[in-house]
Amino acid sequence: MKKEMLFKSIVAQYCKIKPEDIKDDLRFREDLGLSSLDFMSMLGELEDEFDLSLDEDKVINIRTIHEALNLISNPEVAG
C-alpha cells in the first residue's frame, strides 16, 4: 500500500470518513472532528507505522491532511 493511502487509512480510524474520501485540504479538528487526544494518538500510530520520530514543535502546527502528509513524506524535516 502506498504511503498516502496507508496514512489515510490510519486517519480514517479516528474519524467517520472513508480513506478514499479524505482530501488534502481537510483539517483534523474542524473538518474531521479529531480531539486533541485522538490527534496525539494518531500521531503516535503514524510514528510507529512509518518509523519516524516527529518533532513536537512541528506537529503542534499541523492543521491539514496535506501538512501531515508532507511531514511524514519528508523524514528529514520530521524530527
PDB file of N, CA and C in Angstrom:
ATOM      1  N   MET A   1       0.847  -1.170   0.000  1.00  0.00           N
ATOM      2  CA  MET A   1       0.000   0.000   0.000  1.00  0.00           C
ATOM      3  C   MET A   1       0.894   1.234   0.000  1.00  0.00           C
ATOM      4  N   LYS A   2       0.579   2.170  -0.883  1.00  0.00           N
ATOM      5  CA  LYS A   2       1.459   3.331  -0.927  1.00  0.00           C
ATOM      6  C   LYS A   2       1.267   4.199   0.308  1.00  0.00           C
ATOM      7  N   LYS A   3       2.273   4.976   0.602  1.00  0.00           N
ATOM      8  CA  LYS A   3       2.357   5.744   1.846  1.00  0.00           C
ATOM      9  C   LYS A   3       1.115   6.609   2.087  1.00  0.00           C
ATOM     10  N   GLU A   4       0.648   7.293   1.069  1.00  0.00           N
ATOM     11  CA  GLU A   4      -0.502   8.189   1.238  1.00  0.00           C
ATOM     12  C   GLU A   4      -1.760   7.436   1.649  1.00  0.00           C
ATOM     13  N   MET A   5      -2.022   6.293   1.010  1.00  0.00           N
ATOM     14  CA  MET A   5      -3.224   5.530   1.359  1.00  0.00           C
ATOM     15  C   MET A   5      -3.098   4.903   2.737  1.00  0.00           C
ATOM     16  N   LEU A   6      -1.905   4.457   3.107  1.00  0.00           N
ATOM     17  CA  LEU A   6      -1.686   3.917   4.444  1.00  0.00           C
ATOM     18  C   LEU A   6      -1.938   5.020   5.474  1.00  0.00           C
ATOM     19  N   PHE A   7      -1.407   6.197   5.214  1.00  0.00           N
ATOM     20  CA  PHE A   7      -1.626   7.341   6.082  1.00  0.00           C
ATOM     21  C   PHE A   7      -3.124   7.624   6.233  1.00  0.00           C
ATOM     22  N   LYS A   8      -3.836   7.689   5.116  1.00  0.00           N
ATOM     23  CA  LYS A   8      -5.268   7.996   5.151  1.00  0.00           C
ATOM     24  C   LYS A   8      -6.066   6.891   5.837  1.00  0.00           C
ATOM     25  N   SER A   9      -5.617   5.652   5.714  1.00  0.00           N
ATOM     26  CA  SER A   9      -6.278   4.546   6.415  1.00  0.00           C
ATOM     27  C   SER A   9      -6.147   4.703   7.923  1.00  0.00           C
ATOM     28  N   ILE A  10      -4.990   5.151   8.361  1.00  0.00           N
ATOM     29  CA  ILE A  10      -4.786   5.385   9.798  1.00  0.00           C
ATOM     30  C   ILE A  10      -5.658   6.544  10.263  1.00  0.00           C
ATOM     31  N   VAL A  11      -5.686   7.629   9.511  1.00  0.00           N
ATOM     32  CA  VAL A  11      -6.514   8.784   9.869  1.00  0.00           C
ATOM     33  C   VAL A  11      -7.983   8.370   9.945  1.00  0.00           C
ATOM     34  N   ALA A  12      -8.428   7.559   9.000  1.00  0.00           N
ATOM     35  CA  ALA A  12      -9.830   7.138   8.946  1.00  0.00           C
ATOM     36  C   ALA A  12     -10.259   6.371  10.192  1.00  0.00           C
ATOM     37  N   GLN A  13      -9.326   5.740  10.871  1.00  0.00           N
ATOM     38  CA  GLN A  13      -9.653   5.018  12.101  1.00  0.00           C
ATOM     39  C   GLN A  13     -10.086   5.973  13.208  1.00  0.00           C
ATOM     40  N   TYR A  14      -9.741   7.245  13.086  1.00  0.00           N
ATOM     41  CA  TYR A  14     -10.028   8.228  14.123  1.00  0.00           C
ATOM     42  C   TYR A  14     -11.202   9.154  13.783  1.00  0.00           C
ATOM     43  N   CYS A  15     -11.796   8.968  12.622  1.00  0.00           N
ATOM     44  CA  CYS A  15     -12.926   9.807  12.235  1.00  0.00           C
ATOM     45  C   CYS A  15     -13.933   8.964  11.454  1.00  0.00           C
ATOM     46  N   LYS A  16     -15.045   9.569  11.111  1.00  0.00           N
ATOM     47  CA  LYS A  16     -16.113   8.838  10.420  1.00  0.00           C
ATOM     48  C   LYS A  16     -16.108   9.145   8.929  1.00  0.00           C
ATOM     49  N   ILE A  17     -14.995   8.843   8.292  1.00  0.00           N
ATOM     50  CA  ILE A  17     -14.859   9.083   6.858  1.00  0.00           C
ATOM     51  C   ILE A  17     -13.981   7.982   6.268  1.00  0.00           C
ATOM     52  N   LYS A  18     -14.286   7.577   5.058  1.00  0.00           N
ATOM     53  CA  LYS A  18     -13.505   6.524   4.394  1.00  0.00           C
ATOM     54  C   LYS A  18     -12.171   7.098   3.919  1.00  0.00           C
ATOM     55  N   PRO A  19     -11.119   6.267   3.925  1.00  0.00           N
ATOM     56  CA  PRO A  19      -9.804   6.749   3.483  1.00  0.00           C
ATOM     57  C   PRO A  19      -9.832   7.408   2.104  1.00  0.00           C
ATOM     58  N   GLU A  20     -10.605   6.851   1.196  1.00  0.00           N
ATOM     59  CA  GLU A  20     -10.645   7.404  -0.168  1.00  0.00           C
ATOM     60  C   GLU A  20     -11.361   8.755  -0.235  1.00  0.00           C
ATOM     61  N   ASP A  21     -12.100   9.119   0.812  1.00  0.00           N
ATOM     62  CA  ASP A  21     -12.797  10.401   0.847  1.00  0.00           C
ATOM     63  C   ASP A  21     -12.000  11.483   1.581  1.00  0.00           C
ATOM     64  N   ILE A  22     -10.848  11.122   2.106  1.00  0.00           N
ATOM     65  CA  ILE A  22     -10.022  12.091   2.832  1.00  0.00           C
ATOM     66  C   ILE A  22      -9.217  12.914   1.826  1.00  0.00           C
ATOM     67  N   LYS A  23      -9.517  14.190   1.785  1.00  0.00           N
ATOM     68  CA  LYS A  23      -8.863  15.118   0.857  1.00  0.00           C
ATOM     69  C   LYS A  23      -7.770  15.899   1.573  1.00  0.00           C
ATOM     70  N   ASP A  24      -6.797  16.356   0.802  1.00  0.00           N
ATOM     71  CA  ASP A  24      -5.630  17.039   1.360  1.00  0.00           C
ATOM     72  C   ASP A  24      -5.951  18.307   2.140  1.00  0.00           C
ATOM     73  N   ASP A  25      -7.036  18.997   1.783  1.00  0.00           N
ATOM     74  CA  ASP A  25      -7.328  20.266   2.440  1.00  0.00           C
ATOM     75  C   ASP A  25      -8.174  20.127   3.702  1.00  0.00           C
ATOM     76  N   LEU A  26      -8.561  18.898   4.056  1.00  0.00           N
ATOM     77  CA  LEU A  26      -9.353  18.700   5.270  1.00  0.00           C
ATOM     78  C   LEU A  26      -8.514  18.992   6.506  1.00  0.00           C
ATOM     79  N   ARG A  27      -9.142  19.641   7.472  1.00  0.00           N
ATOM     80  CA  ARG A  27      -8.475  19.966   8.735  1.00  0.00           C
ATOM     81  C   ARG A  27      -8.833  18.907   9.767  1.00  0.00           C
ATOM     82  N   PHE A  28      -7.862  18.522  10.567  1.00  0.00           N
ATOM     83  CA  PHE A  28      -8.059  17.443  11.527  1.00  0.00           C
ATOM     84  C   PHE A  28      -9.154  17.750  12.539  1.00  0.00           C
ATOM     85  N   ARG A  29      -9.119  18.902  13.147  1.00  0.00           N
ATOM     86  CA  ARG A  29     -10.074  19.213  14.207  1.00  0.00           C
ATOM     87  C   ARG A  29     -11.401  19.726  13.641  1.00  0.00           C
ATOM     88  N   GLU A  30     -11.344  20.719  12.798  1.00  0.00           N
ATOM     89  CA  GLU A  30     -12.550  21.366  12.307  1.00  0.00           C
ATOM     90  C   GLU A  30     -13.361  20.488  11.354  1.00  0.00           C
ATOM     91  N   ASP A  31     -12.704  19.824  10.419  1.00  0.00           N
ATOM     92  CA  ASP A  31     -13.411  19.048   9.397  1.00  0.00           C
ATOM     93  C   ASP A  31     -13.597  17.575   9.769  1.00  0.00           C
ATOM     94  N   LEU A  32     -12.590  16.995  10.413  1.00  0.00           N
ATOM     95  CA  LEU A  32     -12.653  15.572  10.737  1.00  0.00           C
ATOM     96  C   LEU A  32     -13.085  15.311  12.173  1.00  0.00           C
ATOM     97  N   GLY A  33     -13.117  16.352  12.987  1.00  0.00           N
ATOM     98  CA  GLY A  33     -13.620  16.226  14.340  1.00  0.00           C
ATOM     99  C   GLY A  33     -12.703  15.525  15.332  1.00  0.00           C
ATOM    100  N   LEU A  34     -11.414  15.480  15.043  1.00  0.00           N
ATOM    101  CA  LEU A  34     -10.483  14.833  15.973  1.00  0.00           C
ATOM    102  C   LEU A  34     -10.273  15.695  17.205  1.00  0.00           C
ATOM    103  N   SER A  35     -10.326  15.062  18.364  1.00  0.00           N
ATOM    104  CA  SER A  35      -9.992  15.758  19.604  1.00  0.00           C
ATOM    105  C   SER A  35      -8.470  15.827  19.700  1.00  0.00           C
ATOM    106  N   SER A  36      -7.980  16.584  20.648  1.00  0.00           N
ATOM    107  CA  SER A  36      -6.532  16.674  20.853  1.00  0.00           C
ATOM    108  C   SER A  36      -5.958  15.303  21.192  1.00  0.00           C
ATOM    109  N   LEU A  37      -6.686  14.546  22.010  1.00  0.00           N
ATOM    110  CA  LEU A  37      -6.232  13.210  22.389  1.00  0.00           C
ATOM    111  C   LEU A  37      -6.197  12.275  21.177  1.00  0.00           C
ATOM    112  N   ASP A  38      -7.249  12.315  20.352  1.00  0.00           N
ATOM    113  CA  ASP A  38      -7.268  11.498  19.128  1.00  0.00           C
ATOM    114  C   ASP A  38      -6.108  11.872  18.218  1.00  0.00           C
ATOM    115  N   PHE A  39      -5.867  13.169  18.085  1.00  0.00           N
ATOM    116  CA  PHE A  39      -4.797  13.650  17.207  1.00  0.00           C
ATOM    117  C   PHE A  39      -3.441  13.130  17.682  1.00  0.00           C
ATOM    118  N   MET A  40      -3.180  13.224  18.983  1.00  0.00           N
ATOM    119  CA  MET A  40      -1.898  12.766  19.513  1.00  0.00           C
ATOM    120  C   MET A  40      -1.775  11.240  19.398  1.00  0.00           C
ATOM    121  N   SER A  41      -2.857  10.517  19.623  1.00  0.00           N
ATOM    122  CA  SER A  41      -2.844   9.058  19.462  1.00  0.00           C
ATOM    123  C   SER A  41      -2.555   8.686  18.017  1.00  0.00           C
ATOM    124  N   MET A  42      -3.200   9.399  17.097  1.00  0.00           N
ATOM    125  CA  MET A  42      -2.978   9.152  15.678  1.00  0.00           C
ATOM    126  C   MET A  42      -1.520   9.413  15.309  1.00  0.00           C
ATOM    127  N   LEU A  43      -0.939  10.497  15.830  1.00  0.00           N
ATOM    128  CA  LEU A  43       0.460  10.796  15.547  1.00  0.00           C
ATOM    129  C   LEU A  43       1.380   9.693  16.067  1.00  0.00           C
ATOM    130  N   GLY A  44       1.082   9.172  17.234  1.00  0.00           N
ATOM    131  CA  GLY A  44       1.873   8.067  17.770  1.00  0.00           C
ATOM    132  C   GLY A  44       1.804   6.852  16.869  1.00  0.00           C
ATOM    133  N   GLU A  45       0.613   6.558  16.367  1.00  0.00           N
ATOM    134  CA  GLU A  45       0.460   5.431  15.447  1.00  0.00           C
ATOM    135  C   GLU A  45       1.215   5.674  14.139  1.00  0.00           C
ATOM    136  N   LEU A  46       1.187   6.908  13.654  1.00  0.00           N
ATOM    137  CA  LEU A  46       1.930   7.249  12.437  1.00  0.00           C
ATOM    138  C   LEU A  46       3.431   7.097  12.651  1.00  0.00           C
ATOM    139  N   GLU A  47       3.920   7.518  13.810  1.00  0.00           N
ATOM    140  CA  GLU A  47       5.339   7.361  14.122  1.00  0.00           C
ATOM    141  C   GLU A  47       5.732   5.885  14.092  1.00  0.00           C
ATOM    142  N   ASP A  48       4.896   5.036  14.686  1.00  0.00           N
ATOM    143  CA  ASP A  48       5.184   3.598  14.708  1.00  0.00           C
ATOM    144  C   ASP A  48       5.143   3.004  13.299  1.00  0.00           C
ATOM    145  N   GLU A  49       4.098   3.334  12.569  1.00  0.00           N
ATOM    146  CA  GLU A  49       3.895   2.746  11.240  1.00  0.00           C
ATOM    147  C   GLU A  49       4.970   3.168  10.247  1.00  0.00           C
ATOM    148  N   PHE A  50       5.373   4.432  10.303  1.00  0.00           N
ATOM    149  CA  PHE A  50       6.341   4.958   9.337  1.00  0.00           C
ATOM    150  C   PHE A  50       7.753   5.059   9.906  1.00  0.00           C
ATOM    151  N   ASP A  51       7.939   4.537  11.108  1.00  0.00           N
ATOM    152  CA  ASP A  51       9.246   4.515  11.770  1.00  0.00           C
ATOM    153  C   ASP A  51       9.863   5.916  11.806  1.00  0.00           C
ATOM    154  N   LEU A  52       9.095   6.852  12.365  1.00  0.00           N
ATOM    155  CA  LEU A  52       9.517   8.247  12.462  1.00  0.00           C
ATOM    156  C   LEU A  52       9.555   8.677  13.917  1.00  0.00           C
ATOM    157  N   SER A  53      10.281   9.733  14.157  1.00  0.00           N
ATOM    158  CA  SER A  53      10.231  10.419  15.437  1.00  0.00           C
ATOM    159  C   SER A  53       9.885  11.866  15.117  1.00  0.00           C
ATOM    160  N   LEU A  54       8.628  12.219  15.340  1.00  0.00           N
ATOM    161  CA  LEU A  54       8.158  13.542  14.951  1.00  0.00           C
ATOM    162  C   LEU A  54       8.494  14.575  16.022  1.00  0.00           C
ATOM    163  N   ASP A  55       8.959  15.708  15.588  1.00  0.00           N
ATOM    164  CA  ASP A  55       9.308  16.819  16.464  1.00  0.00           C
ATOM    165  C   ASP A  55       8.017  17.474  16.966  1.00  0.00           C
ATOM    166  N   GLU A  56       7.846  17.499  18.275  1.00  0.00           N
ATOM    167  CA  GLU A  56       6.625  18.047  18.874  1.00  0.00           C
ATOM    168  C   GLU A  56       6.375  19.493  18.460  1.00  0.00           C
ATOM    169  N   ASP A  57       7.427  20.274  18.306  1.00  0.00           N
ATOM    170  CA  ASP A  57       7.274  21.668  17.892  1.00  0.00           C
ATOM    171  C   ASP A  57       6.709  21.787  16.478  1.00  0.00           C
ATOM    172  N   LYS A  58       6.958  20.783  15.650  1.00  0.00           N
ATOM    173  CA  LYS A  58       6.448  20.811  14.276  1.00  0.00           C
ATOM    174  C   LYS A  58       5.031  20.254  14.201  1.00  0.00           C
ATOM    175  N   VAL A  59       4.753  19.171  14.927  1.00  0.00           N
ATOM    176  CA  VAL A  59       3.425  18.552  14.821  1.00  0.00           C
ATOM    177  C   VAL A  59       2.346  19.416  15.453  1.00  0.00           C
ATOM    178  N   ILE A  60       2.705  20.259  16.394  1.00  0.00           N
ATOM    179  CA  ILE A  60       1.715  21.115  17.042  1.00  0.00           C
ATOM    180  C   ILE A  60       1.099  22.103  16.056  1.00  0.00           C
ATOM    181  N   ASN A  61       1.808  22.389  14.972  1.00  0.00           N
ATOM    182  CA  ASN A  61       1.319  23.327  13.961  1.00  0.00           C
ATOM    183  C   ASN A  61       0.588  22.659  12.801  1.00  0.00           C
ATOM    184  N   ILE A  62       0.491  21.346  12.805  1.00  0.00           N
ATOM    185  CA  ILE A  62      -0.186  20.638  11.724  1.00  0.00           C
ATOM    186  C   ILE A  62      -1.687  20.848  11.834  1.00  0.00           C
ATOM    187  N   ARG A  63      -2.278  21.291  10.758  1.00  0.00           N
ATOM    188  CA  ARG A  63      -3.723  21.524  10.731  1.00  0.00           C
ATOM    189  C   ARG A  63      -4.439  20.668   9.681  1.00  0.00           C
ATOM    190  N   THR A  64      -3.766  20.421   8.544  1.00  0.00           N
ATOM    191  CA  THR A  64      -4.444  19.742   7.431  1.00  0.00           C
ATOM    192  C   THR A  64      -3.798  18.401   7.100  1.00  0.00           C
ATOM    193  N   ILE A  65      -4.535  17.616   6.347  1.00  0.00           N
ATOM    194  CA  ILE A  65      -4.030  16.339   5.852  1.00  0.00           C
ATOM    195  C   ILE A  65      -2.762  16.578   5.041  1.00  0.00           C
ATOM    196  N   HIS A  66      -2.778  17.580   4.191  1.00  0.00           N
ATOM    197  CA  HIS A  66      -1.613  17.889   3.347  1.00  0.00           C
ATOM    198  C   HIS A  66      -0.363  18.166   4.188  1.00  0.00           C
ATOM    199  N   GLU A  67      -0.523  18.964   5.236  1.00  0.00           N
ATOM    200  CA  GLU A  67       0.617  19.286   6.093  1.00  0.00           C
ATOM    201  C   GLU A  67       1.175  18.031   6.768  1.00  0.00           C
ATOM    202  N   ALA A  68       0.290  17.162   7.228  1.00  0.00           N
ATOM    203  CA  ALA A  68       0.742  15.928   7.883  1.00  0.00           C
ATOM    204  C   ALA A  68       1.411  14.995   6.884  1.00  0.00           C
ATOM    205  N   LEU A  69       0.844  14.875   5.701  1.00  0.00           N
ATOM    206  CA  LEU A  69       1.452  14.038   4.664  1.00  0.00           C
ATOM    207  C   LEU A  69       2.835  14.551   4.297  1.00  0.00           C
ATOM    208  N   ASN A  70       2.968  15.854   4.193  1.00  0.00           N
ATOM    209  CA  ASN A  70       4.260  16.456   3.880  1.00  0.00           C
ATOM    210  C   ASN A  70       5.287  16.122   4.958  1.00  0.00           C
ATOM    211  N   LEU A  71       4.869  16.167   6.205  1.00  0.00           N
ATOM    212  CA  LEU A  71       5.777  15.889   7.308  1.00  0.00           C
ATOM    213  C   LEU A  71       6.244  14.433   7.310  1.00  0.00           C
ATOM    214  N   ILE A  72       5.329  13.485   7.071  1.00  0.00           N
ATOM    215  CA  ILE A  72       5.750  12.090   7.082  1.00  0.00           C
ATOM    216  C   ILE A  72       6.448  11.677   5.798  1.00  0.00           C
ATOM    217  N   SER A  73       6.207  12.433   4.733  1.00  0.00           N
ATOM    218  CA  SER A  73       6.866  12.119   3.455  1.00  0.00           C
ATOM    219  C   SER A  73       8.287  12.650   3.385  1.00  0.00           C
ATOM    220  N   ASN A  74       8.615  13.567   4.280  1.00  0.00           N
ATOM    221  CA  ASN A  74       9.951  14.171   4.321  1.00  0.00           C
ATOM    222  C   ASN A  74      10.556  13.951   5.696  1.00  0.00           C
ATOM    223  N   PRO A  75      11.019  12.741   5.966  1.00  0.00           N
ATOM    224  CA  PRO A  75      11.541  12.406   7.303  1.00  0.00           C
ATOM    225  C   PRO A  75      12.634  13.342   7.810  1.00  0.00           C
ATOM    226  N   GLU A  76      13.388  13.934   6.908  1.00  0.00           N
ATOM    227  CA  GLU A  76      14.460  14.826   7.343  1.00  0.00           C
ATOM    228  C   GLU A  76      13.923  16.069   8.040  1.00  0.00           C
ATOM    229  N   VAL A  77      12.659  16.416   7.788  1.00  0.00           N
ATOM    230  CA  VAL A  77      12.071  17.566   8.477  1.00  0.00           C
ATOM    231  C   VAL A  77      11.164  17.134   9.623  1.00  0.00           C
ATOM    232  N   ALA A  78      10.991  15.835   9.794  1.00  0.00           N
ATOM    233  CA  ALA A  78      10.056  15.316  10.797  1.00  0.00           C
ATOM    234  C   ALA A  78      10.602  15.393  12.216  1.00  0.00           C
ATOM    235  N   GLY A  79      11.893  15.429  12.384  1.00  0.00           N
ATOM    236  CA  GLY A  79      12.362  15.488  13.750  1.00  0.00           C
ATOM    237  C   GLY A  79      13.831  15.277  13.850  1.00  0.00           C
TER     238      GLY A  79
END
